[in-house]
């Protein structure tokens, strides 16, 4: 018979211990990542009060930086010692870039849009028997409300003021004075040119080249631009020019680098423009 028992083990060869199947180990990094993801999910559903407080404080700090920068620019603009020869040359350069280069395009665009709107309003008013109120409505809507806001937005878009132009704060604020004055002058100039052009086009659409309608037209314009409305209109244009000149630059100076595709200061600038427009409407019509 054949012996089926296993051969005896060699005493010189050590016996291999049985390896136990290890349990699935979790590294501390993976455990930390998992717990962070879990916490983030809960935090996304229920934001922590500390996070809201931090965002609120950052927002207040940003607005305070804008107010501080605006105050410094106002002091420098009113100081005669700020206008040295180099500063005057840079101011002239910014005025040329921000105003003269965009003025022809803005004038043509404003003339076309104003002509179309004036014609629509006049024809519609005549069809309803309200031709006496057509010119007054054109002046109140276009000249007083739409054109100043359009000039401010056009300067922002055409000159690229919302782009990040500085990555750090310069301790000498005088270097920013030419850019601020150039942007403010651009808004004032475009608003004045567009308003004057619209008044001329409105007269030509209704009366043509006849001089006989000039007394009635000037009387209507004077009735619309009474002293109170004229003061509010001038104040609104001044505030628009200040907001366009100061908020984008201050936001670029004090905001940290960000990967957000929206240019820094966009929301703040448009919020201030809307608040100014709403406040002036409330003062004039309420």
Protein backbone atom coordinates (compact mmCIF):
# COMPACT_ATOMS: atom_id res chain seq x y z
CA UNK A 1 0.00 0.00 0.00
CA UNK A 2 1.13 3.47 -0.77
CA UNK A 3 1.57 5.77 2.18
CA UNK A 4 -0.56 8.93 1.60
CA UNK A 5 0.60 10.80 4.70
CA UNK A 6 2.48 14.08 4.02
CA UNK A 7 6.25 14.03 4.29
CA UNK A 8 7.69 15.30 7.55
CA UNK A 9 8.72 18.93 7.60
CA UNK A 10 12.32 19.80 7.43
CA UNK A 11 13.38 21.04 10.84
CA UNK A 12 15.84 23.48 9.26
CA UNK A 13 13.05 25.23 7.34
CA UNK A 14 11.04 27.58 9.55
CA UNK A 15 7.30 27.33 9.40
CA UNK A 16 5.51 30.27 7.67
CA UNK A 17 2.87 31.81 9.92
CA UNK A 18 -0.61 32.09 8.61
CA UNK A 19 -1.26 35.61 7.34
CA UNK A 20 -4.50 37.10 8.54
CA UNK A 21 -6.54 39.07 6.03
CA UNK A 22 -6.04 42.74 7.06
CA UNK A 23 -8.99 44.93 7.53
CA UNK A 24 -9.37 47.88 5.13
CA UNK A 25 -7.26 50.66 6.56
CA UNK A 26 -8.23 54.29 6.26
CA UNK A 27 -5.41 56.79 6.17
CA UNK A 28 -5.65 59.90 8.33
CA UNK A 29 -5.63 62.11 5.20
CA UNK A 30 -8.54 60.25 3.64
CA UNK A 31 -10.41 60.32 6.92
CA UNK A 32 -9.81 64.05 7.20
CA UNK A 33 -10.96 64.61 3.62
CA UNK A 34 -14.10 62.59 4.16
CA UNK A 35 -14.94 64.42 7.35
CA UNK A 36 -14.26 67.76 5.63
CA UNK A 37 -16.57 66.87 2.76
CA UNK A 38 -19.25 65.80 5.17
CA UNK A 39 -18.86 69.00 7.14
CA UNK A 40 -18.93 71.04 3.96
CA UNK A 41 -22.17 69.43 2.94
CA UNK A 42 -23.73 70.28 6.26
CA UNK A 43 -22.28 73.76 6.14
CA UNK A 44 -23.69 74.29 2.65
CA UNK A 45 -27.13 73.38 3.91
CA UNK A 46 -26.90 75.36 7.13
CA UNK A 47 -24.29 78.19 6.95
CA UNK A 48 -22.43 78.80 10.17
CA UNK A 49 -23.01 82.13 11.93
CA UNK A 50 -19.25 82.70 12.00
CA UNK A 51 -19.09 82.57 8.20
CA UNK A 52 -21.92 85.07 7.83
CA UNK A 53 -20.31 87.36 10.37
CA UNK A 54 -16.98 87.19 8.52
CA UNK A 55 -18.64 88.01 5.18
CA UNK A 56 -20.51 90.92 6.75
CA UNK A 57 -17.35 92.33 8.26
CA UNK A 58 -15.49 91.98 4.95
CA UNK A 59 -18.30 93.81 3.15
CA UNK A 60 -18.28 96.65 5.69
CA UNK A 61 -14.50 96.85 5.45
CA UNK A 62 -14.67 97.13 1.66
CA UNK A 63 -17.22 99.95 1.82
CA UNK A 64 -15.12 101.73 4.43
CA UNK A 65 -12.07 101.47 2.16
CA UNK A 66 -14.07 103.02 -0.69
CA UNK A 67 -15.21 105.90 1.55
CA UNK A 68 -11.65 106.45 2.80
CA UNK A 69 -10.24 106.43 -0.73
CA UNK A 70 -12.94 108.85 -1.89
CA UNK A 71 -12.18 111.25 0.96
CA UNK A 72 -8.45 111.20 0.18
CA UNK A 73 -9.12 111.85 -3.52
CA UNK A 74 -11.41 114.76 -2.65
CA UNK A 75 -8.74 116.36 -0.48
CA UNK A 76 -6.10 115.90 -3.17
CA UNK A 77 -8.41 117.29 -5.88
CA UNK A 78 -9.05 120.44 -3.82
CA UNK A 79 -5.38 120.93 -2.94
CA UNK A 80 -3.46 123.24 -5.34
CA UNK A 81 -0.16 121.52 -4.48
CA UNK A 82 -1.39 118.32 -6.15
CA UNK A 83 -1.29 119.83 -9.64
CA UNK A 84 2.37 119.62 -10.47
CA UNK A 85 3.55 119.56 -14.06
CA UNK A 86 3.69 115.75 -14.29
CA UNK A 87 0.26 115.46 -12.70
CA UNK A 88 -1.23 117.94 -15.17
CA UNK A 89 0.22 116.03 -18.10
CA UNK A 90 -1.23 112.75 -16.81
CA UNK A 91 -4.63 114.38 -16.23
CA UNK A 92 -4.63 115.63 -19.82
CA UNK A 93 -3.70 112.15 -21.02
CA UNK A 94 -6.55 110.50 -19.11
CA UNK A 95 -9.01 113.13 -20.33
CA UNK A 96 -7.96 112.42 -23.90
CA UNK A 97 -8.22 108.64 -23.51
CA UNK A 98 -11.46 108.57 -21.52
CA UNK A 99 -13.30 111.42 -23.26
CA UNK A 100 -12.04 112.38 -26.67
CA UNK A 101 -11.58 108.83 -27.97
CA UNK A 102 -15.10 107.71 -27.00
CA UNK A 103 -16.94 111.00 -27.62
CA UNK A 104 -17.55 110.56 -31.40
CA UNK A 105 -18.92 107.01 -31.03
CA UNK A 106 -21.09 107.97 -28.09
CA UNK A 107 -22.42 111.03 -29.91
CA UNK A 108 -23.40 109.04 -33.00
CA UNK A 109 -24.98 106.26 -30.94
CA UNK A 110 -26.84 108.72 -28.71
CA UNK A 111 -28.12 110.68 -31.73
CA UNK A 112 -29.50 107.57 -33.45
CA UNK A 113 -31.21 106.18 -30.36
CA UNK A 114 -32.57 109.57 -29.30
CA UNK A 115 -33.91 110.28 -32.80
CA UNK A 116 -35.76 106.97 -32.90
CA UNK A 117 -37.23 107.40 -29.41
CA UNK A 118 -38.25 111.01 -30.04
CA UNK A 119 -39.99 110.08 -33.28
CA UNK A 120 -41.85 107.20 -31.61
CA UNK A 121 -43.01 109.37 -28.70
CA UNK A 122 -44.10 112.28 -30.91
CA UNK A 123 -46.04 110.10 -33.38
CA UNK A 124 -47.71 108.15 -30.58
CA UNK A 125 -48.68 111.33 -28.73
CA UNK A 126 -50.13 112.88 -31.90
CA UNK A 127 -52.23 109.78 -32.57
CA UNK A 128 -53.82 110.12 -29.12
CA UNK A 129 -54.22 113.90 -29.33
CA UNK A 130 -51.48 114.57 -26.76
CA UNK A 131 -48.98 116.36 -28.98
CA UNK A 132 -48.69 119.22 -26.47
CA UNK A 133 -47.16 116.84 -23.93
CA UNK A 134 -44.85 114.95 -26.32
CA UNK A 135 -41.85 117.26 -26.10
CA UNK A 136 -42.12 117.63 -22.35
CA UNK A 137 -42.20 113.86 -21.90
CA UNK A 138 -39.19 113.46 -24.19
CA UNK A 139 -37.20 115.99 -22.18
CA UNK A 140 -38.18 114.51 -18.83
CA UNK A 141 -37.50 110.89 -19.76
CA UNK A 142 -34.49 111.17 -22.06
CA UNK A 143 -32.60 114.22 -20.87
CA UNK A 144 -33.29 114.00 -17.15
CA UNK A 145 -33.18 110.24 -16.59
CA UNK A 146 -31.80 108.03 -19.35
CA UNK A 147 -28.93 110.04 -20.82
CA UNK A 148 -26.92 110.66 -17.60
CA UNK A 149 -27.16 106.97 -16.65
CA UNK A 150 -26.23 105.96 -20.21
CA UNK A 151 -23.19 108.23 -20.13
CA UNK A 152 -21.97 106.72 -16.86
CA UNK A 153 -22.41 103.15 -18.10
CA UNK A 154 -20.79 103.97 -21.45
CA UNK A 155 -17.68 105.35 -19.75
CA UNK A 156 -17.43 102.26 -17.55
CA UNK A 157 -17.73 99.85 -20.48
CA UNK A 158 -15.76 101.79 -23.10
CA UNK A 159 -12.76 102.65 -20.93
CA UNK A 160 -12.59 99.32 -19.09
CA UNK A 161 -12.72 100.83 -15.60
CA UNK A 162 -13.95 97.58 -14.09
CA UNK A 163 -10.83 95.68 -15.10
CA UNK A 164 -8.24 95.03 -12.42
CA UNK A 165 -5.56 97.65 -13.04
CA UNK A 166 -3.58 97.43 -9.82
CA UNK A 167 -2.56 94.49 -7.71
CA UNK A 168 -1.33 96.35 -4.65
CA UNK A 169 -1.95 99.60 -2.90
CA UNK A 170 0.45 102.42 -3.65
CA UNK A 171 1.23 104.45 -0.52
CA UNK A 172 1.21 107.68 -2.58
CA UNK A 173 -2.41 108.36 -3.51
CA UNK A 174 -1.40 111.18 -5.84
CA UNK A 175 -0.66 108.66 -8.59
CA UNK A 176 -4.39 107.84 -8.77
CA UNK A 177 -5.61 111.44 -8.98
CA UNK A 178 -5.24 111.82 -12.79
CA UNK A 179 -7.25 108.67 -13.44
CA UNK A 180 -10.02 109.75 -11.06
CA UNK A 181 -10.28 113.24 -12.56
CA UNK A 182 -10.16 111.90 -16.12
CA UNK A 183 -13.00 109.45 -15.53
CA UNK A 184 -15.16 112.02 -13.74
CA UNK A 185 -14.60 114.58 -16.51
CA UNK A 186 -15.56 111.97 -19.12
CA UNK A 187 -18.94 111.27 -17.50
CA UNK A 188 -19.71 114.98 -17.13
CA UNK A 189 -18.77 115.74 -20.72
CA UNK A 190 -20.70 112.86 -22.27
CA UNK A 191 -23.81 113.67 -20.22
CA UNK A 192 -23.69 117.35 -21.21
CA UNK A 193 -23.09 116.63 -24.91
CA UNK A 194 -25.82 113.98 -25.12
CA UNK A 195 -28.37 116.17 -23.31
CA UNK A 196 -27.69 119.17 -25.57
CA UNK A 197 -27.83 117.01 -28.68
CA UNK A 198 -31.14 115.47 -27.65
CA UNK A 199 -32.70 118.88 -27.02
CA UNK A 200 -31.66 119.99 -30.51
CA UNK A 201 -32.98 116.81 -32.15
CA UNK A 202 -36.30 117.10 -30.31
CA UNK A 203 -36.80 120.62 -31.68
CA UNK A 204 -35.90 119.55 -35.22
CA UNK A 205 -38.27 116.56 -35.16
CA UNK A 206 -41.26 118.67 -34.10
CA UNK A 207 -40.63 122.09 -35.68
CA UNK A 208 -38.08 121.30 -38.36
CA UNK A 209 -35.71 124.15 -39.32
CA UNK A 210 -38.36 126.80 -38.71
CA UNK A 211 -37.42 129.45 -36.11
CA UNK A 212 -41.05 130.16 -35.17
CA UNK A 213 -41.28 127.37 -32.66
CA UNK A 214 -38.25 128.49 -30.71
CA UNK A 215 -40.08 130.68 -28.14
CA UNK A 216 -42.57 127.94 -27.26
CA UNK A 217 -39.83 125.32 -27.11
CA UNK A 218 -37.56 127.36 -24.83
CA UNK A 219 -40.54 128.13 -22.60
CA UNK A 220 -41.29 124.40 -22.27
CA UNK A 221 -37.63 123.57 -21.52
CA UNK A 222 -37.53 126.29 -18.89
CA UNK A 223 -40.71 124.92 -17.32
CA UNK A 224 -39.14 121.44 -17.10
CA UNK A 225 -35.77 122.66 -15.81
CA UNK A 226 -37.04 124.67 -12.89
CA UNK A 227 -34.47 125.55 -10.17
CA UNK A 228 -35.21 122.50 -8.02
CA UNK A 229 -35.01 120.06 -10.94
CA UNK A 230 -31.84 121.72 -12.21
CA UNK A 231 -30.15 121.33 -8.82
CA UNK A 232 -31.15 117.66 -8.56
CA UNK A 233 -30.06 117.03 -12.15
CA UNK A 234 -26.63 118.58 -11.57
CA UNK A 235 -26.23 116.68 -8.31
CA UNK A 236 -27.12 113.39 -9.99
CA UNK A 237 -24.57 113.84 -12.77
CA UNK A 238 -21.92 114.78 -10.21
CA UNK A 239 -22.66 111.69 -8.13
CA UNK A 240 -22.61 109.48 -11.23
CA UNK A 241 -19.22 110.82 -12.25
CA UNK A 242 -17.83 110.38 -8.73
CA UNK A 243 -19.10 106.80 -8.48
CA UNK A 244 -17.67 105.82 -11.87
CA UNK A 245 -14.31 107.42 -11.06
CA UNK A 246 -13.88 106.14 -7.50
CA UNK A 247 -15.60 102.79 -6.91
CA UNK A 248 -13.86 100.64 -9.59
CA UNK A 249 -10.41 101.97 -8.71
CA UNK A 250 -10.91 101.64 -4.94
CA UNK A 251 -12.25 98.10 -5.37
CA UNK A 252 -9.20 97.14 -7.43
CA UNK A 253 -6.82 98.59 -4.87
CA UNK A 254 -8.22 97.00 -1.74
CA UNK A 255 -9.68 93.71 -3.00
CA UNK A 256 -7.43 90.60 -2.91
CA UNK A 257 -6.73 88.61 -6.09
CA UNK A 258 -9.67 86.43 -7.07
CA UNK A 259 -10.54 83.89 -9.77
CA UNK A 260 -14.06 85.30 -10.05
CA UNK A 261 -14.76 86.05 -13.74
CA UNK A 262 -16.90 89.06 -12.81
CA UNK A 263 -14.71 92.19 -12.60
CA UNK A 264 -14.14 93.45 -9.11
CA UNK A 265 -16.41 96.31 -8.06
CA UNK A 266 -19.15 95.53 -10.59
CA UNK A 267 -21.93 94.89 -8.10
CA UNK A 268 -20.94 97.82 -5.90
CA UNK A 269 -20.85 100.28 -8.78
CA UNK A 270 -24.19 99.27 -10.27
CA UNK A 271 -25.77 99.24 -6.81
CA UNK A 272 -24.64 102.81 -6.18
CA UNK A 273 -25.83 103.98 -9.62
CA UNK A 274 -29.27 102.45 -9.05
CA UNK A 275 -29.49 104.00 -5.57
CA UNK A 276 -28.58 107.44 -6.94
CA UNK A 277 -31.14 107.16 -9.73
CA UNK A 278 -33.85 106.01 -7.32
CA UNK A 279 -33.08 108.75 -4.81
CA UNK A 280 -33.24 111.50 -7.42
CA UNK A 281 -36.53 110.15 -8.77
CA UNK A 282 -37.97 110.13 -5.27
CA UNK A 283 -36.84 113.72 -4.65
CA UNK A 284 -38.33 115.02 -7.92
CA UNK A 285 -41.61 113.15 -8.10
CA UNK A 286 -42.62 112.22 -4.54
